[in-house]
Amino acid sequence: MSDLLIRNVRDVSSGAPVLCDVRVKAGRIDAVGPLLTAEVGMAIEDAKGALLLPGLIEGHTHLDKTMWGMDWYVNEVGPELRDRIDNERALRARMAHDAQAQSLRLALEFLSLGATRIRTHVDIDTDAGLKHLHGVLATREKLRGVVEIQIVAFPQSGLLQRRGTADLLDAALREGADVLGGLDPQGIDGDAPASVDALFAVAERHGCPLDIHLHEAGAMGARSLDLILDRTEALGMAGRVAISHGFCLGDVDESTRARLLARMASLRVAVFTTGTPSRPVPPLLACRAASVTMAGGNDGIRDAWTPYGSPDMLERAMLIGLRNNLRRDDEIALAFDTVAAGAASACGFAGYGLGPGARADLVLVHAQNLAHAVVEHPPRALVVSHGRIVARDGVLI
């Protein structure tokens, strides 16, 4: 881990852009300011006025599923959620999908584009067992100290529908998963109270956080979300539960949404969004106004579910801004926050930011300001992780 001085960065943290330097010592930011001195033996980089950003964060993806870099998959799956679940499970078994090789490939693409921390959901089911988890655990170990990977044990086929899933989730958490995932307690499991009770029982045994996929729309989703919030409150899990997608927050009436967001804020329940154009989404400005933390992510990237997605988190911030009709520069900054500080807060990633003492995860891009960087998502001139230069001009070192 080398000490480093980066000169002539464009810093926008105080509002108006100013040129300054960033000094890194022992993998952490030591100082940010004008005309900093280099210590003996310290490497020096000239940023030439590039914009300084904190390391980007992917808050919701599925590294184990991706076909990134493989032959094109011809998608002919049916339109329902269950169609996609069943198709993917059968496909991965048939093709002997290598979760280790594919998760490593995609994680390195994320890194080259400035994402130094990732929360990934990993399928746990009674067909594959813990196979996919073991692959992603190997990737996490290989990239330790370069990319921080947080693993969610995710019952993609449902918790109640396949006997033995809860036991596998227990095993996954014992073997190194960080977070317990859940999925549509009514829409997939068919019994929301029983599903939520079973899920929280696993979380309570392991003392782990929860991140629950909630695709359910309208009144069904609102009822499931209320159940989740009830359990969160009853079990004292405030600040340890998150909702992924939360489509119901985008298609219930305003009074119902306001009530749900108020409950989420009081229990510090975050929401993860992709900003998808295909479904109603939690409105970013309403979530912010209610003090609900919002994080952003791609969901699947180039897999059996979707041919879309990109490991460029600036592009994802742009898509979230576009989906929420954010046009002002200060609003676009809120979209950026979903892949930066908002995601760090929602995931619990420590030591984040651009202040002294923060972990030195830095991204430099040639852009005039933050809104310009989000909308144009230019090539990454430099990526620094844990104080070490890991990519230059989009190419890993």
Protein backbone atom coordinates (compact mmCIF):
# COMPACT_ATOMS: atom_id res chain seq x y z
CA MET A 1 0.00 0.00 0.00
CA SER A 2 1.80 3.14 -1.23
CA ASP A 3 1.43 6.68 0.02
CA LEU A 4 0.23 9.01 -2.70
CA LEU A 5 -0.20 12.70 -3.47
CA ILE A 6 -2.65 13.62 -6.23
CA ARG A 7 -2.22 17.21 -7.37
CA ASN A 8 -4.64 19.50 -9.20
CA VAL A 9 -7.93 17.73 -8.67
CA ARG A 10 -11.20 19.56 -9.17
CA ASP A 11 -12.99 19.38 -5.82
CA VAL A 12 -16.73 20.16 -5.79
CA SER A 13 -17.51 19.12 -2.23
CA SER A 14 -17.87 22.72 -1.07
CA GLY A 15 -20.02 23.79 -4.01
CA ALA A 16 -17.90 25.86 -6.39
CA PRO A 17 -15.15 23.77 -8.02
CA VAL A 18 -11.64 24.55 -6.82
CA LEU A 19 -8.28 23.00 -7.64
CA CYS A 20 -6.58 21.29 -4.74
CA ASP A 21 -4.50 18.27 -3.78
CA VAL A 22 -5.31 14.97 -2.06
CA ARG A 23 -2.72 13.30 0.15
CA VAL A 24 -3.10 9.60 0.95
CA LYS A 25 -1.24 7.80 3.73
CA ALA A 26 -1.59 4.16 4.77
CA GLY A 27 -4.59 3.69 2.52
CA ARG A 28 -6.59 6.58 3.97
CA ILE A 29 -7.11 10.20 3.05
CA ASP A 30 -4.69 12.26 5.11
CA ALA A 31 -5.60 15.72 3.81
CA VAL A 32 -7.45 17.56 1.06
CA GLY A 33 -6.39 21.12 0.31
CA PRO A 34 -4.25 23.44 -1.78
CA LEU A 35 -0.50 23.03 -2.18
CA LEU A 36 -0.06 20.00 0.07
CA THR A 37 3.49 18.82 0.64
CA ALA A 38 4.70 15.43 -0.53
CA GLU A 39 6.54 13.35 2.02
CA VAL A 40 9.75 11.53 1.19
CA GLY A 41 9.12 8.58 -1.12
CA MET A 42 5.50 9.54 -1.77
CA ALA A 43 4.26 8.88 -5.33
CA ILE A 44 2.88 11.96 -7.08
CA GLU A 45 0.10 12.08 -9.71
CA ASP A 46 -1.01 15.15 -11.63
CA ALA A 47 -4.80 15.02 -12.11
CA LYS A 48 -4.68 17.93 -14.58
CA GLY A 49 -7.96 19.34 -13.33
CA ALA A 50 -9.94 16.09 -13.35
CA LEU A 51 -13.02 16.01 -11.14
CA LEU A 52 -12.57 14.20 -7.81
CA LEU A 53 -15.27 11.70 -6.82
CA PRO A 54 -15.42 9.16 -4.00
CA GLY A 55 -15.25 5.49 -4.96
CA LEU A 56 -18.55 4.41 -6.49
CA ILE A 57 -20.83 1.81 -4.91
CA GLU A 58 -22.97 -0.87 -6.54
CA GLY A 59 -25.75 -1.37 -4.00
CA HIS A 60 -27.76 -4.14 -5.64
CA THR A 61 -26.47 -6.62 -8.18
CA HIS A 62 -26.18 -10.38 -8.77
CA LEU A 63 -22.55 -11.18 -9.54
CA ASP A 64 -23.18 -14.93 -9.48
CA LYS A 65 -25.71 -14.82 -12.35
CA THR A 66 -23.91 -12.75 -14.95
CA MET A 67 -22.98 -13.94 -18.43
CA TRP A 68 -20.75 -10.92 -18.96
CA GLY A 69 -18.08 -11.76 -21.53
CA MET A 70 -19.72 -15.05 -22.52
CA ASP A 71 -21.50 -15.90 -25.75
CA TRP A 72 -24.77 -14.08 -26.26
CA TYR A 73 -27.71 -15.72 -24.50
CA VAL A 74 -30.86 -15.83 -26.66
CA ASN A 75 -33.63 -14.94 -24.21
CA GLU A 76 -36.99 -16.61 -24.95
CA VAL A 77 -38.35 -16.77 -21.41
CA GLY A 78 -42.01 -16.12 -20.53
CA PRO A 79 -43.25 -12.81 -19.14
CA GLU A 80 -43.97 -13.74 -15.51
CA LEU A 81 -41.59 -13.52 -12.54
CA ARG A 82 -42.01 -17.24 -11.91
CA ASP A 83 -41.12 -17.95 -15.57
CA ARG A 84 -37.81 -16.14 -15.14
CA ILE A 85 -37.01 -17.84 -11.84
CA ASP A 86 -37.68 -21.35 -13.16
CA ASN A 87 -35.91 -20.71 -16.47
CA GLU A 88 -32.78 -19.42 -14.80
CA ARG A 89 -32.54 -22.25 -12.29
CA ALA A 90 -32.82 -24.84 -15.06
CA LEU A 91 -30.40 -23.00 -17.35
CA ARG A 92 -27.68 -22.64 -14.74
CA ALA A 93 -27.88 -26.33 -13.90
CA ARG A 94 -27.77 -27.32 -17.57
CA MET A 95 -24.81 -25.11 -18.50
CA ALA A 96 -22.83 -25.67 -15.26
CA HIS A 97 -22.58 -21.92 -14.79
CA ASP A 98 -19.29 -20.97 -13.11
CA ALA A 99 -20.22 -18.38 -10.48
CA GLN A 100 -16.61 -17.90 -9.41
CA ALA A 101 -15.22 -17.07 -12.84
CA GLN A 102 -18.18 -14.91 -13.82
CA SER A 103 -18.42 -12.99 -10.55
CA LEU A 104 -14.70 -12.24 -10.72
CA ARG A 105 -14.98 -11.07 -14.32
CA LEU A 106 -17.80 -8.67 -13.57
CA ALA A 107 -16.33 -7.43 -10.28
CA LEU A 108 -13.15 -6.44 -12.12
CA GLU A 109 -15.23 -4.56 -14.72
CA PHE A 110 -16.89 -2.68 -11.87
CA LEU A 111 -13.47 -1.82 -10.45
CA SER A 112 -12.14 -0.51 -13.76
CA LEU A 113 -15.10 1.90 -13.81
CA GLY A 114 -14.56 3.11 -10.27
CA ALA A 115 -16.81 0.88 -8.13
CA THR A 116 -14.77 -0.19 -5.13
CA ARG A 117 -17.63 -1.60 -3.01
CA ILE A 118 -20.39 -3.98 -4.09
CA ARG A 119 -23.43 -5.53 -2.44
CA THR A 120 -24.30 -8.68 -4.36
CA HIS A 121 -27.20 -11.08 -3.90
CA VAL A 122 -26.29 -14.74 -4.41
CA ASP A 123 -28.84 -17.45 -5.17
CA ILE A 124 -29.38 -20.07 -2.48
CA ASP A 125 -31.78 -22.84 -3.50
CA THR A 126 -32.40 -26.54 -3.08
CA ASP A 127 -31.11 -27.39 -6.56
CA ALA A 128 -27.74 -25.61 -6.44
CA GLY A 129 -27.32 -25.60 -2.67
CA LEU A 130 -24.41 -23.33 -1.75
CA LYS A 131 -22.55 -23.75 -5.04
CA HIS A 132 -23.03 -20.17 -6.22
CA LEU A 133 -22.19 -18.81 -2.77
CA HIS A 134 -18.88 -20.68 -2.74
CA GLY A 135 -17.99 -19.15 -6.11
CA VAL A 136 -18.65 -15.59 -4.95
CA LEU A 137 -16.90 -16.20 -1.62
CA ALA A 138 -13.80 -17.18 -3.64
CA THR A 139 -14.07 -13.96 -5.66
CA ARG A 140 -14.43 -11.91 -2.48
CA GLU A 141 -11.30 -13.49 -1.05
CA LYS A 142 -9.34 -12.98 -4.26
CA LEU A 143 -10.24 -9.28 -4.38
CA ARG A 144 -9.86 -8.61 -0.65
CA GLY A 145 -8.17 -5.25 -0.14
CA VAL A 146 -9.14 -4.12 -3.65
CA VAL A 147 -12.93 -4.50 -3.91
CA GLU A 148 -15.11 -4.80 -0.82
CA ILE A 149 -17.87 -7.32 -1.57
CA GLN A 150 -20.87 -7.72 0.71
CA ILE A 151 -22.83 -10.93 0.11
CA VAL A 152 -26.59 -11.36 0.54
CA ALA A 153 -27.83 -14.96 0.84
CA PHE A 154 -30.85 -14.74 -1.47
CA PRO A 155 -33.67 -17.34 -1.81
CA GLN A 156 -34.41 -16.58 -5.47
CA SER A 157 -36.93 -19.46 -5.73
CA GLY A 158 -38.75 -18.42 -2.55
CA LEU A 159 -38.41 -19.37 1.10
CA LEU A 160 -41.51 -21.50 1.74
CA GLN A 161 -42.06 -23.11 -1.65
CA ARG A 162 -39.00 -25.39 -1.58
CA ARG A 163 -38.48 -27.41 1.60
CA GLY A 164 -34.99 -27.03 3.05
CA THR A 165 -34.37 -23.46 1.84
CA ALA A 166 -34.33 -22.00 5.36
CA ASP A 167 -31.69 -24.55 6.40
CA LEU A 168 -29.58 -23.58 3.39
CA LEU A 169 -29.87 -19.91 4.31
CA ASP A 170 -28.67 -20.77 7.81
CA ALA A 171 -25.69 -22.57 6.30
CA ALA A 172 -24.92 -19.70 3.92
CA LEU A 173 -24.78 -17.23 6.80
CA ARG A 174 -22.53 -19.57 8.78
CA GLU A 175 -20.19 -19.90 5.80
CA GLY A 176 -19.67 -16.19 5.22
CA ALA A 177 -22.72 -14.42 3.77
CA ASP A 178 -23.14 -11.03 5.43
CA VAL A 179 -26.82 -10.28 4.90
CA LEU A 180 -30.02 -12.36 4.67
CA GLY A 181 -32.16 -11.83 1.58
CA GLY A 182 -35.87 -12.33 1.08
CA LEU A 183 -38.35 -12.35 -1.80
CA ASP A 184 -42.02 -11.42 -2.29
CA PRO A 185 -43.65 -13.01 0.77
CA GLN A 186 -47.09 -13.07 -0.84
CA GLY A 187 -46.41 -13.03 -4.58
CA ILE A 188 -43.90 -15.92 -4.52
CA ASP A 189 -44.36 -17.66 -1.16
CA GLY A 190 -48.15 -17.23 -1.15
CA ASP A 191 -48.36 -16.61 2.61
CA ALA A 192 -46.93 -13.25 3.61
CA PRO A 193 -47.22 -13.61 7.43
CA ALA A 194 -45.62 -17.08 7.44
CA SER A 195 -42.92 -16.04 4.99
CA VAL A 196 -42.00 -12.90 6.91
CA ASP A 197 -41.97 -14.77 10.22
CA ALA A 198 -39.70 -17.49 8.81
CA LEU A 199 -37.32 -14.96 7.28
CA PHE A 200 -36.99 -12.84 10.41
CA ALA A 201 -36.48 -15.99 12.50
CA VAL A 202 -33.37 -16.81 10.43
CA ALA A 203 -32.13 -13.22 10.74
CA GLU A 204 -32.71 -13.24 14.50
CA ARG A 205 -30.72 -16.47 14.93
CA HIS A 206 -27.73 -14.99 13.13
CA GLY A 207 -28.04 -11.36 14.23
CA CYS A 208 -27.66 -10.30 10.61
CA PRO A 209 -29.23 -7.51 8.53
CA LEU A 210 -32.01 -8.15 5.99
CA ASP A 211 -32.38 -7.02 2.38
CA ILE A 212 -35.74 -8.08 0.96
CA HIS A 213 -36.70 -8.06 -2.73
CA LEU A 214 -40.23 -6.66 -2.90
CA HIS A 215 -41.56 -6.70 -6.45
CA GLU A 216 -45.18 -6.88 -5.33
CA ALA A 217 -47.23 -4.01 -6.69
CA GLY A 218 -49.95 -1.80 -5.24
CA ALA A 219 -52.01 -2.92 -2.27
CA MET A 220 -50.37 -6.37 -2.09
CA GLY A 221 -46.91 -4.83 -1.85
CA ALA A 222 -48.09 -2.27 0.69
CA ARG A 223 -49.50 -5.04 2.92
CA SER A 224 -46.25 -7.02 2.68
CA LEU A 225 -44.21 -3.91 3.42
CA ASP A 226 -46.35 -3.17 6.49
CA LEU A 227 -45.73 -6.73 7.72
CA ILE A 228 -41.99 -6.31 7.23
CA LEU A 229 -42.06 -3.01 9.10
CA ASP A 230 -44.12 -4.58 11.90
CA ARG A 231 -41.50 -7.32 12.39
CA THR A 232 -38.66 -4.80 12.15
CA GLU A 233 -40.21 -2.78 14.96
CA ALA A 234 -41.20 -5.75 17.12
CA LEU A 235 -37.75 -7.33 16.95
CA GLY A 236 -35.80 -4.10 17.48
CA MET A 237 -34.17 -4.30 14.06
CA ALA A 238 -34.34 -0.61 13.19
CA GLY A 239 -31.48 0.33 10.88
CA ARG A 240 -30.87 -3.30 9.89
CA VAL A 241 -33.54 -3.88 7.23
CA ALA A 242 -33.64 -2.74 3.60
CA ILE A 243 -36.17 -3.10 0.79
CA SER A 244 -34.98 -3.77 -2.75
CA HIS A 245 -37.12 -2.48 -5.61
CA GLY A 246 -40.16 -1.56 -3.50
CA PHE A 247 -42.30 -1.09 -6.62
CA CYS A 248 -45.42 -0.63 -4.49
CA LEU A 249 -44.02 2.72 -3.30
CA GLY A 250 -44.35 3.93 -6.88
CA ASP A 251 -47.93 2.87 -7.52
CA VAL A 252 -49.93 3.34 -4.31
CA ASP A 253 -51.84 6.55 -3.62
CA GLU A 254 -49.94 9.47 -2.12
CA SER A 255 -51.38 9.14 1.38
CA THR A 256 -50.48 5.43 1.57
CA ARG A 257 -46.98 6.15 0.25
CA ALA A 258 -46.50 8.97 2.77
CA ARG A 259 -47.57 6.67 5.62
CA LEU A 260 -45.22 3.88 4.50
CA LEU A 261 -42.29 6.25 3.99
CA ALA A 262 -42.85 7.76 7.44
CA ARG A 263 -42.72 4.29 8.97
CA MET A 264 -39.60 3.43 6.98
CA ALA A 265 -37.89 6.64 8.08
CA SER A 266 -38.68 6.04 11.75
CA LEU A 267 -37.29 2.48 11.51
CA ARG A 268 -34.35 3.55 9.31
CA VAL A 269 -35.37 1.12 6.55
CA ALA A 270 -33.52 1.96 3.34
CA VAL A 271 -34.71 1.30 -0.20
CA PHE A 272 -32.62 0.11 -3.16
CA THR A 273 -33.70 1.08 -6.67
CA THR A 274 -32.53 0.44 -10.21
CA GLY A 275 -34.65 3.21 -11.69
CA THR A 276 -36.15 0.67 -14.08
CA PRO A 277 -38.35 2.11 -16.83
CA SER A 278 -40.55 -1.01 -16.91
CA ARG A 279 -42.22 -0.67 -13.50
CA PRO A 280 -43.32 2.09 -11.12
CA VAL A 281 -40.40 2.93 -8.84
CA PRO A 282 -40.00 4.54 -5.41
CA PRO A 283 -39.85 8.29 -6.17
CA LEU A 284 -36.43 9.55 -5.19
CA LEU A 285 -37.51 13.06 -4.20
CA ALA A 286 -40.38 11.77 -2.05
CA CYS A 287 -38.03 9.33 -0.31
CA ARG A 288 -35.52 12.11 0.34
CA ALA A 289 -38.23 14.42 1.65
CA ALA A 290 -39.34 11.69 4.06
CA SER A 291 -35.71 11.06 5.19
CA VAL A 292 -35.67 7.53 3.72
CA THR A 293 -32.20 6.55 2.50
CA MET A 294 -32.11 5.45 -1.13
CA ALA A 295 -29.34 3.46 -2.78
CA GLY A 296 -28.90 2.48 -6.41
CA GLY A 297 -27.88 -0.62 -8.28
CA ASN A 298 -28.12 -2.43 -11.59
CA ASP A 299 -29.84 -5.61 -10.39
CA GLY A 300 -28.85 -8.30 -12.92
CA ILE A 301 -26.31 -7.49 -15.62
CA ARG A 302 -26.33 -9.50 -18.87
CA ASP A 303 -27.92 -12.64 -17.45
CA ALA A 304 -30.87 -14.98 -18.02
CA TRP A 305 -33.24 -12.31 -16.74
CA THR A 306 -32.09 -9.37 -18.83
CA PRO A 307 -29.66 -8.49 -21.63
CA TYR A 308 -29.27 -5.01 -20.16
CA GLY A 309 -27.11 -3.47 -17.44
CA SER A 310 -23.60 -2.12 -17.19
CA PRO A 311 -20.98 -2.04 -14.44
CA ASP A 312 -20.78 1.76 -14.84
CA MET A 313 -22.32 3.26 -11.71
CA LEU A 314 -22.22 6.80 -13.11
CA GLU A 315 -24.44 5.53 -15.92
CA ARG A 316 -26.75 3.92 -13.35
CA ALA A 317 -26.98 7.24 -11.49
CA MET A 318 -27.92 8.88 -14.79
CA LEU A 319 -30.67 6.29 -15.39
CA ILE A 320 -32.04 6.78 -11.87
CA GLY A 321 -32.04 10.54 -12.45
CA LEU A 322 -33.76 10.13 -15.80
CA ARG A 323 -36.42 7.79 -14.40
CA ASN A 324 -37.17 10.33 -11.67
CA ASN A 325 -37.24 13.26 -14.12
CA LEU A 326 -34.35 15.01 -12.35
CA ARG A 327 -33.07 17.89 -14.47
CA ARG A 328 -31.57 20.50 -12.15
CA ASP A 329 -27.91 20.07 -11.23
CA ASP A 330 -28.76 19.85 -7.53
CA GLU A 331 -31.31 17.11 -8.27
CA ILE A 332 -28.83 15.15 -10.38
CA ALA A 333 -26.51 15.29 -7.38
CA LEU A 334 -29.19 13.36 -5.46
CA ALA A 335 -29.12 10.67 -8.14
CA PHE A 336 -25.34 10.47 -7.73
CA ASP A 337 -25.81 10.07 -3.98
CA THR A 338 -27.61 6.76 -4.61
CA VAL A 339 -24.33 5.27 -5.88
CA ALA A 340 -22.18 7.09 -3.35
CA ALA A 341 -22.93 8.16 0.24
CA GLY A 342 -26.54 6.93 0.14
CA ALA A 343 -25.41 3.46 -0.88
CA ALA A 344 -22.66 3.45 1.75
CA SER A 345 -25.23 4.27 4.42
CA ALA A 346 -27.79 1.72 3.18
CA CYS A 347 -25.20 -1.07 2.97
CA GLY A 348 -23.28 -0.13 6.10
CA PHE A 349 -19.97 0.40 4.32
CA ALA A 350 -17.71 2.20 6.80
CA GLY A 351 -15.06 4.86 6.25
CA TYR A 352 -16.67 6.31 3.15
CA GLY A 353 -16.18 9.76 1.66
CA LEU A 354 -13.61 12.35 0.74
CA GLY A 355 -12.74 13.69 4.17
CA PRO A 356 -9.57 13.04 6.20
CA GLY A 357 -9.66 9.57 7.73
CA ALA A 358 -11.90 8.08 5.05
CA ARG A 359 -10.65 5.09 3.14
CA ALA A 360 -8.83 6.36 0.05
CA ASP A 361 -11.22 5.11 -2.64
CA LEU A 362 -11.11 7.82 -5.31
CA VAL A 363 -12.29 8.26 -8.88
CA LEU A 364 -11.10 10.96 -11.28
CA VAL A 365 -13.04 11.91 -14.40
CA HIS A 366 -12.70 14.77 -16.84
CA ALA A 367 -15.93 16.64 -16.18
CA GLN A 368 -16.78 20.20 -15.23
CA ASN A 369 -18.99 19.32 -12.27
CA LEU A 370 -20.94 16.48 -10.68
CA ALA A 371 -24.02 16.75 -12.92
CA HIS A 372 -21.78 16.72 -15.99
CA ALA A 373 -20.04 13.57 -14.72
CA VAL A 374 -23.36 11.77 -14.14
CA VAL A 375 -24.96 12.71 -17.44
CA GLU A 376 -21.89 12.09 -19.60
CA HIS A 377 -20.32 9.32 -17.44
CA PRO A 378 -16.93 9.87 -19.09
CA PRO A 379 -14.03 7.38 -18.99
CA ARG A 380 -12.39 7.04 -15.59
CA ALA A 381 -9.04 8.80 -15.80
CA LEU A 382 -7.86 7.24 -12.53
CA VAL A 383 -9.28 4.80 -9.97
CA VAL A 384 -7.72 4.50 -6.52
CA SER A 385 -8.76 1.74 -4.10
CA HIS A 386 -7.48 1.48 -0.54
CA GLY A 387 -4.93 4.17 -1.44
CA ARG A 388 -3.53 2.27 -4.42
CA ILE A 389 -3.95 3.15 -8.10
CA VAL A 390 -5.82 0.21 -9.63
CA ALA A 391 -6.98 1.54 -13.01
CA ARG A 392 -5.94 4.25 -15.43
CA ASP A 393 -7.99 5.44 -18.40
CA GLY A 394 -10.45 2.60 -17.87
CA VAL A 395 -7.78 -0.12 -17.88
CA LEU A 396 -6.96 -2.16 -14.79
CA ILE A 397 -3.37 -2.07 -13.61
